[in-house]
């Protein structure tokens, strides 16, 4: 059934242009959005990302001094001889490496600080570590340029 004089587009236009009660929802937004906020948030995100990347590089990047176990040999009397190869980025600075031995259960049974004098970028160091139980393996706990005063040979 078609009624004359009725246009559905007029009805849609009336529904879409309905006015809101005055003062109920606040003033109507007449200004266009500010694009500078988008640029500011983008800049802040880039600076924060760069800062996070820099801190991650400092903490997770290559170590300035490190060591690899070259060999270990069990000696009589719960003693183990350990040879390490120390690599460092500044050969002019002395360093210290902590070498440890483990017993059959995997527990640390002995530990020793090894002084690494200034010299070449790579240096072999051999030390003897005493153990509380029969040692079965040796490893390096870590290395540092912070040499304790009781260990330095100056």
N, C-alpha and C. Protein backbone atom coordinates (compact mmCIF):
# COMPACT_ATOMS: atom_id res chain seq x y z
N UNK A 1 0.84 -1.16 0.00
CA UNK A 1 0.00 0.00 0.00
C UNK A 1 0.89 1.23 0.00
N UNK A 2 0.65 2.11 -0.91
CA UNK A 2 1.47 3.30 -1.08
C UNK A 2 0.62 4.50 -0.75
N UNK A 3 1.15 5.34 0.11
CA UNK A 3 0.43 6.57 0.42
C UNK A 3 1.09 7.71 -0.30
N UNK A 4 0.29 8.56 -0.83
CA UNK A 4 0.85 9.67 -1.58
C UNK A 4 1.29 10.77 -0.64
N UNK A 5 2.37 11.45 -1.05
CA UNK A 5 2.87 12.56 -0.24
C UNK A 5 3.84 12.09 0.85
N UNK A 6 4.02 10.82 0.97
CA UNK A 6 4.92 10.30 2.00
C UNK A 6 6.24 9.93 1.34
N UNK A 7 7.33 10.47 1.85
CA UNK A 7 8.66 10.16 1.31
C UNK A 7 9.50 9.62 2.46
N UNK A 8 10.00 8.40 2.29
CA UNK A 8 10.77 7.77 3.37
C UNK A 8 12.09 8.50 3.62
N UNK A 9 12.65 9.16 2.62
CA UNK A 9 13.90 9.88 2.84
C UNK A 9 13.69 11.07 3.76
N UNK A 10 12.50 11.68 3.74
CA UNK A 10 12.21 12.78 4.66
C UNK A 10 12.18 12.27 6.10
N UNK A 11 11.64 11.10 6.28
CA UNK A 11 11.58 10.51 7.63
C UNK A 11 12.98 10.20 8.15
N UNK A 12 13.85 9.66 7.29
CA UNK A 12 15.23 9.36 7.69
C UNK A 12 15.97 10.63 8.05
N UNK A 13 15.79 11.68 7.28
CA UNK A 13 16.45 12.95 7.54
C UNK A 13 15.98 13.52 8.87
N UNK A 14 14.69 13.40 9.17
CA UNK A 14 14.16 13.91 10.43
C UNK A 14 14.75 13.14 11.61
N UNK A 15 14.90 11.81 11.47
CA UNK A 15 15.45 11.01 12.57
C UNK A 15 16.94 11.29 12.79
N UNK A 16 17.68 11.56 11.72
CA UNK A 16 19.12 11.79 11.83
C UNK A 16 19.45 13.19 12.33
N UNK A 17 18.58 14.12 12.23
CA UNK A 17 18.84 15.50 12.66
C UNK A 17 18.09 15.85 13.93
N UNK A 18 17.84 14.89 14.72
CA UNK A 18 17.13 15.13 15.96
C UNK A 18 17.98 15.99 16.88
N UNK A 19 17.43 16.96 17.51
CA UNK A 19 18.19 17.83 18.42
C UNK A 19 18.12 17.25 19.82
N UNK A 20 19.22 17.46 20.54
CA UNK A 20 19.32 16.96 21.91
C UNK A 20 18.82 18.02 22.87
N UNK A 21 18.35 17.62 24.03
CA UNK A 21 17.89 18.61 25.01
C UNK A 21 19.03 19.55 25.39
N UNK A 22 18.72 20.81 25.55
CA UNK A 22 19.71 21.84 25.84
C UNK A 22 20.34 21.61 27.21
N UNK A 23 21.66 21.64 27.30
CA UNK A 23 22.36 21.56 28.57
C UNK A 23 22.50 20.17 29.15
N UNK A 24 21.92 19.19 28.53
CA UNK A 24 21.96 17.85 29.11
C UNK A 24 23.26 17.11 28.81
N UNK A 25 23.80 17.24 27.63
CA UNK A 25 24.98 16.51 27.22
C UNK A 25 26.20 17.40 27.02
N UNK A 26 26.18 18.61 27.44
CA UNK A 26 27.30 19.50 27.28
C UNK A 26 27.27 20.17 25.92
N UNK A 27 28.22 21.06 25.68
CA UNK A 27 28.23 21.78 24.40
C UNK A 27 28.59 20.84 23.25
N UNK A 28 28.07 21.14 22.11
CA UNK A 28 28.36 20.34 20.92
C UNK A 28 29.79 20.62 20.49
N UNK A 29 30.45 19.60 19.95
CA UNK A 29 31.82 19.76 19.49
C UNK A 29 31.80 20.43 18.13
N UNK A 30 32.37 21.58 18.10
CA UNK A 30 32.39 22.31 16.85
C UNK A 30 33.79 22.37 16.27
N UNK A 31 34.81 22.05 17.08
CA UNK A 31 36.19 22.16 16.62
C UNK A 31 36.64 20.84 15.99
N UNK A 32 37.49 20.92 14.99
CA UNK A 32 38.06 19.68 14.44
C UNK A 32 39.10 19.12 15.42
N UNK A 33 39.39 17.83 15.36
CA UNK A 33 40.37 17.25 16.29
C UNK A 33 41.75 17.87 16.07
N UNK A 34 42.51 17.93 17.12
CA UNK A 34 43.84 18.52 17.06
C UNK A 34 44.85 17.44 16.67
N UNK A 35 45.51 17.63 15.56
CA UNK A 35 46.46 16.64 15.05
C UNK A 35 47.81 16.69 15.77
N UNK A 36 48.08 17.78 16.48
CA UNK A 36 49.36 17.87 17.17
C UNK A 36 49.45 16.83 18.29
N UNK A 37 48.32 16.43 18.86
CA UNK A 37 48.34 15.41 19.91
C UNK A 37 48.83 14.08 19.36
N UNK A 38 48.40 13.73 18.17
CA UNK A 38 48.84 12.49 17.54
C UNK A 38 50.36 12.51 17.34
N UNK A 39 50.88 13.65 16.87
CA UNK A 39 52.33 13.76 16.67
C UNK A 39 53.08 13.72 18.00
N UNK A 40 52.52 14.32 19.03
CA UNK A 40 53.16 14.30 20.35
C UNK A 40 53.21 12.88 20.90
N UNK A 41 52.11 12.15 20.81
CA UNK A 41 52.10 10.77 21.30
C UNK A 41 53.05 9.89 20.50
N UNK A 42 53.14 10.12 19.20
CA UNK A 42 54.09 9.37 18.37
C UNK A 42 55.52 9.67 18.79
N UNK A 43 55.84 10.92 19.02
CA UNK A 43 57.18 11.30 19.45
C UNK A 43 57.52 10.70 20.81
N UNK A 44 56.59 10.75 21.75
CA UNK A 44 56.82 10.16 23.07
C UNK A 44 57.04 8.65 22.96
N UNK A 45 56.27 7.98 22.11
CA UNK A 45 56.44 6.53 21.92
C UNK A 45 57.79 6.21 21.31
N UNK A 46 58.24 7.01 20.35
CA UNK A 46 59.56 6.77 19.74
C UNK A 46 60.68 6.99 20.74
N UNK A 47 60.60 8.04 21.53
CA UNK A 47 61.64 8.31 22.54
C UNK A 47 61.66 7.19 23.58
N UNK A 48 60.50 6.75 24.05
CA UNK A 48 60.44 5.67 25.04
C UNK A 48 60.99 4.37 24.45
N UNK A 49 60.67 4.06 23.20
CA UNK A 49 61.19 2.85 22.57
C UNK A 49 62.70 2.91 22.42
N UNK A 50 63.22 4.07 22.04
CA UNK A 50 64.67 4.23 21.94
C UNK A 50 65.36 4.07 23.28
N UNK A 51 64.77 4.60 24.33
CA UNK A 51 65.34 4.46 25.67
C UNK A 51 65.34 3.00 26.12
N UNK A 52 64.26 2.28 25.88
CA UNK A 52 64.19 0.87 26.24
C UNK A 52 65.24 0.07 25.45
N UNK A 53 65.41 0.36 24.17
CA UNK A 53 66.40 -0.35 23.36
C UNK A 53 67.82 -0.08 23.86
N UNK A 54 68.10 1.16 24.25
CA UNK A 54 69.44 1.50 24.76
C UNK A 54 69.73 0.78 26.07
N UNK A 55 68.79 0.78 26.99
CA UNK A 55 68.98 0.08 28.27
C UNK A 55 69.13 -1.43 28.04
N UNK A 56 68.37 -2.00 27.13
CA UNK A 56 68.50 -3.43 26.83
C UNK A 56 69.86 -3.73 26.24
N UNK A 57 70.38 -2.86 25.39
CA UNK A 57 71.71 -3.09 24.82
C UNK A 57 72.77 -3.05 25.91
N UNK A 58 72.67 -2.10 26.83
CA UNK A 58 73.65 -2.01 27.91
C UNK A 58 73.62 -3.25 28.80
N UNK A 59 72.43 -3.75 29.09
CA UNK A 59 72.31 -4.87 30.01
C UNK A 59 72.46 -6.23 29.34
N UNK A 60 72.07 -6.34 28.08
CA UNK A 60 72.09 -7.64 27.42
C UNK A 60 73.12 -7.72 26.30
N UNK A 61 73.84 -6.65 26.05
CA UNK A 61 74.83 -6.61 24.98
C UNK A 61 76.06 -7.42 25.34
N UNK A 62 77.08 -7.34 24.52
CA UNK A 62 78.29 -8.12 24.75
C UNK A 62 78.99 -7.69 26.04
N UNK A 63 79.52 -8.67 26.77
CA UNK A 63 80.21 -8.39 28.02
C UNK A 63 81.60 -7.83 27.71
N UNK A 64 82.06 -6.85 28.47
CA UNK A 64 83.38 -6.28 28.21
C UNK A 64 84.52 -7.25 28.55
N UNK A 65 84.26 -8.18 29.45
CA UNK A 65 85.26 -9.19 29.81
C UNK A 65 84.52 -10.51 30.04
N UNK A 66 85.05 -11.57 29.46
CA UNK A 66 84.42 -12.89 29.61
C UNK A 66 85.50 -13.96 29.56
N UNK A 67 85.12 -15.17 29.91
CA UNK A 67 86.09 -16.27 29.91
C UNK A 67 85.42 -17.55 29.44
N UNK A 68 86.23 -18.41 28.86
CA UNK A 68 85.79 -19.74 28.43
C UNK A 68 86.67 -20.77 29.11
N UNK A 69 86.08 -21.87 29.52
CA UNK A 69 86.85 -22.95 30.12
C UNK A 69 87.58 -23.68 29.00
N UNK A 70 88.90 -23.81 29.13
CA UNK A 70 89.70 -24.51 28.15
C UNK A 70 89.85 -25.97 28.56
N UNK A 71 90.20 -26.18 29.83
CA UNK A 71 90.37 -27.56 30.31
C UNK A 71 90.23 -27.60 31.82
N UNK A 72 89.98 -28.79 32.33
CA UNK A 72 90.01 -29.03 33.77
C UNK A 72 90.53 -30.44 33.98
N UNK A 73 91.21 -30.62 35.12
CA UNK A 73 91.84 -31.91 35.40
C UNK A 73 91.75 -32.18 36.90
N UNK A 74 91.17 -33.31 37.25
CA UNK A 74 91.05 -33.67 38.66
C UNK A 74 92.41 -34.10 39.19
N UNK A 75 92.74 -33.60 40.36
CA UNK A 75 93.99 -33.93 41.06
C UNK A 75 93.64 -34.66 42.35
N UNK A 76 94.60 -35.37 42.93
CA UNK A 76 94.32 -36.06 44.19
C UNK A 76 94.02 -35.08 45.33
N UNK A 77 93.20 -35.51 46.25
CA UNK A 77 92.89 -34.72 47.44
C UNK A 77 91.79 -33.68 47.23
N UNK A 78 90.77 -34.00 46.43
CA UNK A 78 89.65 -33.08 46.17
C UNK A 78 90.12 -31.74 45.63
N UNK A 79 91.00 -31.80 44.66
CA UNK A 79 91.54 -30.60 44.03
C UNK A 79 91.35 -30.73 42.52
N UNK A 80 91.08 -29.59 41.86
CA UNK A 80 90.94 -29.60 40.42
C UNK A 80 91.73 -28.44 39.83
N UNK A 81 92.49 -28.73 38.77
CA UNK A 81 93.22 -27.72 38.03
C UNK A 81 92.32 -27.25 36.87
N UNK A 82 92.17 -25.94 36.74
CA UNK A 82 91.27 -25.38 35.74
C UNK A 82 92.05 -24.35 34.92
N UNK A 83 91.92 -24.43 33.59
CA UNK A 83 92.53 -23.45 32.69
C UNK A 83 91.41 -22.72 31.96
N UNK A 84 91.49 -21.37 31.97
CA UNK A 84 90.47 -20.55 31.31
C UNK A 84 91.15 -19.61 30.31
N UNK A 85 90.40 -19.22 29.30
CA UNK A 85 90.84 -18.23 28.32
C UNK A 85 90.00 -16.98 28.52
N UNK A 86 90.65 -15.90 28.93
CA UNK A 86 89.95 -14.65 29.24
C UNK A 86 90.03 -13.71 28.03
N UNK A 87 88.88 -13.22 27.61
CA UNK A 87 88.79 -12.27 26.50
C UNK A 87 88.23 -10.96 27.04
N UNK A 88 88.87 -9.85 26.66
CA UNK A 88 88.40 -8.55 27.16
C UNK A 88 88.55 -7.48 26.09
N UNK A 89 87.76 -6.44 26.23
CA UNK A 89 87.78 -5.36 25.25
C UNK A 89 88.86 -4.32 25.56
N UNK A 90 89.34 -4.28 26.80
CA UNK A 90 90.38 -3.31 27.18
C UNK A 90 91.53 -4.07 27.82
N UNK A 91 92.54 -4.47 27.03
CA UNK A 91 93.64 -5.26 27.58
C UNK A 91 94.49 -4.52 28.60
N UNK A 92 94.39 -3.20 28.66
CA UNK A 92 95.20 -2.43 29.61
C UNK A 92 94.67 -2.52 31.03
N UNK A 93 93.46 -3.01 31.21
CA UNK A 93 92.85 -3.09 32.55
C UNK A 93 92.95 -4.51 33.10
N UNK A 94 93.32 -4.65 34.37
CA UNK A 94 93.28 -5.99 34.99
C UNK A 94 91.84 -6.38 35.28
N UNK A 95 91.64 -7.66 35.45
CA UNK A 95 90.29 -8.16 35.74
C UNK A 95 90.34 -9.30 36.73
N UNK A 96 89.16 -9.83 37.03
CA UNK A 96 89.04 -10.97 37.93
C UNK A 96 87.95 -11.89 37.38
N UNK A 97 88.19 -13.18 37.45
CA UNK A 97 87.19 -14.17 37.06
C UNK A 97 86.99 -15.13 38.23
N UNK A 98 85.76 -15.56 38.40
CA UNK A 98 85.44 -16.51 39.46
C UNK A 98 85.24 -17.88 38.82
N UNK A 99 86.08 -18.83 39.26
CA UNK A 99 86.03 -20.20 38.76
C UNK A 99 85.47 -21.07 39.88
N UNK A 100 84.60 -22.01 39.53
CA UNK A 100 84.03 -22.89 40.55
C UNK A 100 84.05 -24.34 40.07
N UNK A 101 84.08 -25.23 41.04
CA UNK A 101 84.01 -26.66 40.74
C UNK A 101 82.74 -27.21 41.35
N UNK A 102 82.27 -28.31 40.77
CA UNK A 102 81.02 -28.94 41.23
C UNK A 102 81.27 -30.41 41.54
N UNK A 103 80.48 -30.91 42.49
CA UNK A 103 80.58 -32.33 42.84
C UNK A 103 79.62 -33.14 41.99
N UNK A 104 79.49 -34.42 42.28
CA UNK A 104 78.67 -35.32 41.47
C UNK A 104 77.19 -34.95 41.46
N UNK A 105 76.72 -34.30 42.52
CA UNK A 105 75.31 -33.90 42.58
C UNK A 105 75.04 -32.61 41.80
N UNK A 106 76.10 -31.92 41.38
CA UNK A 106 75.95 -30.66 40.66
C UNK A 106 76.06 -29.45 41.55
N UNK A 107 76.19 -29.67 42.85
CA UNK A 107 76.32 -28.55 43.78
C UNK A 107 77.73 -27.97 43.72
N UNK A 108 77.80 -26.66 43.92
CA UNK A 108 79.12 -26.02 43.96
C UNK A 108 79.87 -26.50 45.19
N UNK A 109 81.08 -27.01 44.98
CA UNK A 109 81.85 -27.54 46.11
C UNK A 109 83.16 -26.79 46.30
N UNK A 110 83.45 -25.84 45.44
CA UNK A 110 84.65 -25.04 45.59
C UNK A 110 84.59 -23.84 44.66
N UNK A 111 85.28 -22.75 45.06
CA UNK A 111 85.25 -21.52 44.27
C UNK A 111 86.55 -20.78 44.50
N UNK A 112 87.01 -20.10 43.45
CA UNK A 112 88.24 -19.33 43.59
C UNK A 112 88.18 -18.12 42.65
N UNK A 113 88.68 -16.98 43.14
CA UNK A 113 88.81 -15.78 42.32
C UNK A 113 90.18 -15.81 41.66
N UNK A 114 90.21 -15.59 40.35
CA UNK A 114 91.46 -15.63 39.60
C UNK A 114 91.76 -14.21 39.12
N UNK A 115 92.92 -13.70 39.51
CA UNK A 115 93.35 -12.39 39.07
C UNK A 115 93.88 -12.49 37.65
N UNK A 116 93.43 -11.58 36.78
CA UNK A 116 93.87 -11.56 35.39
C UNK A 116 94.61 -10.25 35.19
N UNK A 117 95.94 -10.30 35.11
CA UNK A 117 96.71 -9.06 34.97
C UNK A 117 96.48 -8.40 33.62
N UNK A 118 96.78 -7.11 33.55
CA UNK A 118 96.68 -6.40 32.28
C UNK A 118 97.66 -7.03 31.29
N UNK A 119 97.26 -7.06 30.04
CA UNK A 119 98.11 -7.71 29.03
C UNK A 119 97.38 -7.81 27.72
N UNK A 120 97.44 -8.96 27.11
CA UNK A 120 96.81 -9.18 25.81
C UNK A 120 95.29 -9.23 25.93
N UNK A 121 94.62 -9.10 24.78
CA UNK A 121 93.17 -9.20 24.73
C UNK A 121 92.68 -10.59 25.11
N UNK A 122 93.50 -11.62 24.83
CA UNK A 122 93.20 -13.00 25.22
C UNK A 122 94.33 -13.46 26.14
N UNK A 123 94.00 -14.08 27.24
CA UNK A 123 95.04 -14.59 28.12
C UNK A 123 94.59 -15.90 28.75
N UNK A 124 95.50 -16.86 28.77
CA UNK A 124 95.23 -18.15 29.42
C UNK A 124 95.64 -18.06 30.88
N UNK A 125 94.77 -18.49 31.75
CA UNK A 125 95.03 -18.50 33.19
C UNK A 125 94.76 -19.90 33.71
N UNK A 126 95.68 -20.43 34.50
CA UNK A 126 95.49 -21.75 35.12
C UNK A 126 95.50 -21.56 36.63
N UNK A 127 94.56 -22.21 37.29
CA UNK A 127 94.47 -22.12 38.74
C UNK A 127 94.09 -23.48 39.31
N UNK A 128 94.29 -23.64 40.60
CA UNK A 128 93.93 -24.86 41.31
C UNK A 128 92.83 -24.51 42.31
N UNK A 129 91.73 -25.26 42.26
CA UNK A 129 90.59 -25.00 43.13
C UNK A 129 90.41 -26.19 44.06
N UNK A 130 90.35 -25.90 45.36
CA UNK A 130 90.10 -26.95 46.36
C UNK A 130 88.60 -27.13 46.51
N UNK A 131 88.19 -28.38 46.78
CA UNK A 131 86.77 -28.70 46.85
C UNK A 131 86.47 -29.39 48.17
N UNK A 132 85.23 -29.25 48.64
CA UNK A 132 84.81 -29.93 49.87
C UNK A 132 84.49 -31.40 49.62
N UNK A 133 84.21 -31.74 48.38
CA UNK A 133 83.90 -33.11 47.99
C UNK A 133 84.63 -33.38 46.68
N UNK A 134 84.59 -34.59 46.21
CA UNK A 134 85.28 -34.93 44.98
C UNK A 134 84.71 -34.11 43.81
N UNK A 135 85.53 -33.25 43.16
CA UNK A 135 85.03 -32.45 42.05
C UNK A 135 84.94 -33.27 40.76
N UNK A 136 83.90 -33.00 39.97
CA UNK A 136 83.75 -33.73 38.71
C UNK A 136 83.75 -32.78 37.51
N UNK A 137 83.47 -31.51 37.71
CA UNK A 137 83.50 -30.55 36.61
C UNK A 137 83.82 -29.16 37.15
N UNK A 138 84.17 -28.28 36.21
CA UNK A 138 84.49 -26.90 36.57
C UNK A 138 83.83 -25.97 35.58
N UNK A 139 83.50 -24.77 36.03
CA UNK A 139 82.95 -23.76 35.13
C UNK A 139 83.32 -22.37 35.62
N UNK A 140 82.97 -21.37 34.82
CA UNK A 140 83.26 -19.99 35.16
C UNK A 140 81.97 -19.33 35.61
N UNK A 141 81.99 -18.77 36.79
CA UNK A 141 80.81 -18.08 37.32
C UNK A 141 80.63 -16.73 36.65
N UNK A 142 81.74 -16.02 36.41
CA UNK A 142 81.67 -14.71 35.76
C UNK A 142 82.99 -13.98 35.88
N UNK A 143 83.11 -12.88 35.12
CA UNK A 143 84.31 -12.06 35.12
C UNK A 143 83.92 -10.60 35.26
N UNK A 144 84.88 -9.79 35.76
CA UNK A 144 84.61 -8.38 35.97
C UNK A 144 85.92 -7.60 35.97
N UNK A 145 85.81 -6.31 35.67
CA UNK A 145 86.95 -5.41 35.81
C UNK A 145 87.08 -4.88 37.24
N UNK A 146 86.10 -5.12 38.09
CA UNK A 146 86.14 -4.64 39.47
C UNK A 146 86.97 -5.61 40.32
N UNK A 147 88.26 -5.37 40.35
CA UNK A 147 89.19 -6.24 41.08
C UNK A 147 89.21 -5.82 42.54
N UNK A 148 88.96 -6.75 43.48
CA UNK A 148 89.03 -6.40 44.91
C UNK A 148 90.45 -6.00 45.29
N UNK A 149 90.58 -5.12 46.27
CA UNK A 149 91.92 -4.64 46.67
C UNK A 149 92.79 -5.75 47.22
N UNK A 150 92.21 -6.74 47.89
CA UNK A 150 93.01 -7.84 48.44
C UNK A 150 93.55 -8.76 47.35
N UNK A 151 93.02 -8.67 46.14
CA UNK A 151 93.42 -9.55 45.06
C UNK A 151 94.37 -8.87 44.08
N UNK A 152 94.36 -7.55 44.05
CA UNK A 152 95.21 -6.86 43.07
C UNK A 152 96.67 -6.98 43.46
N UNK A 153 97.51 -6.94 42.46
CA UNK A 153 98.95 -7.11 42.68
C UNK A 153 99.68 -5.82 42.39
N UNK A 154 99.19 -4.72 42.83
CA UNK A 154 99.83 -3.44 42.54
C UNK A 154 100.68 -2.94 43.67
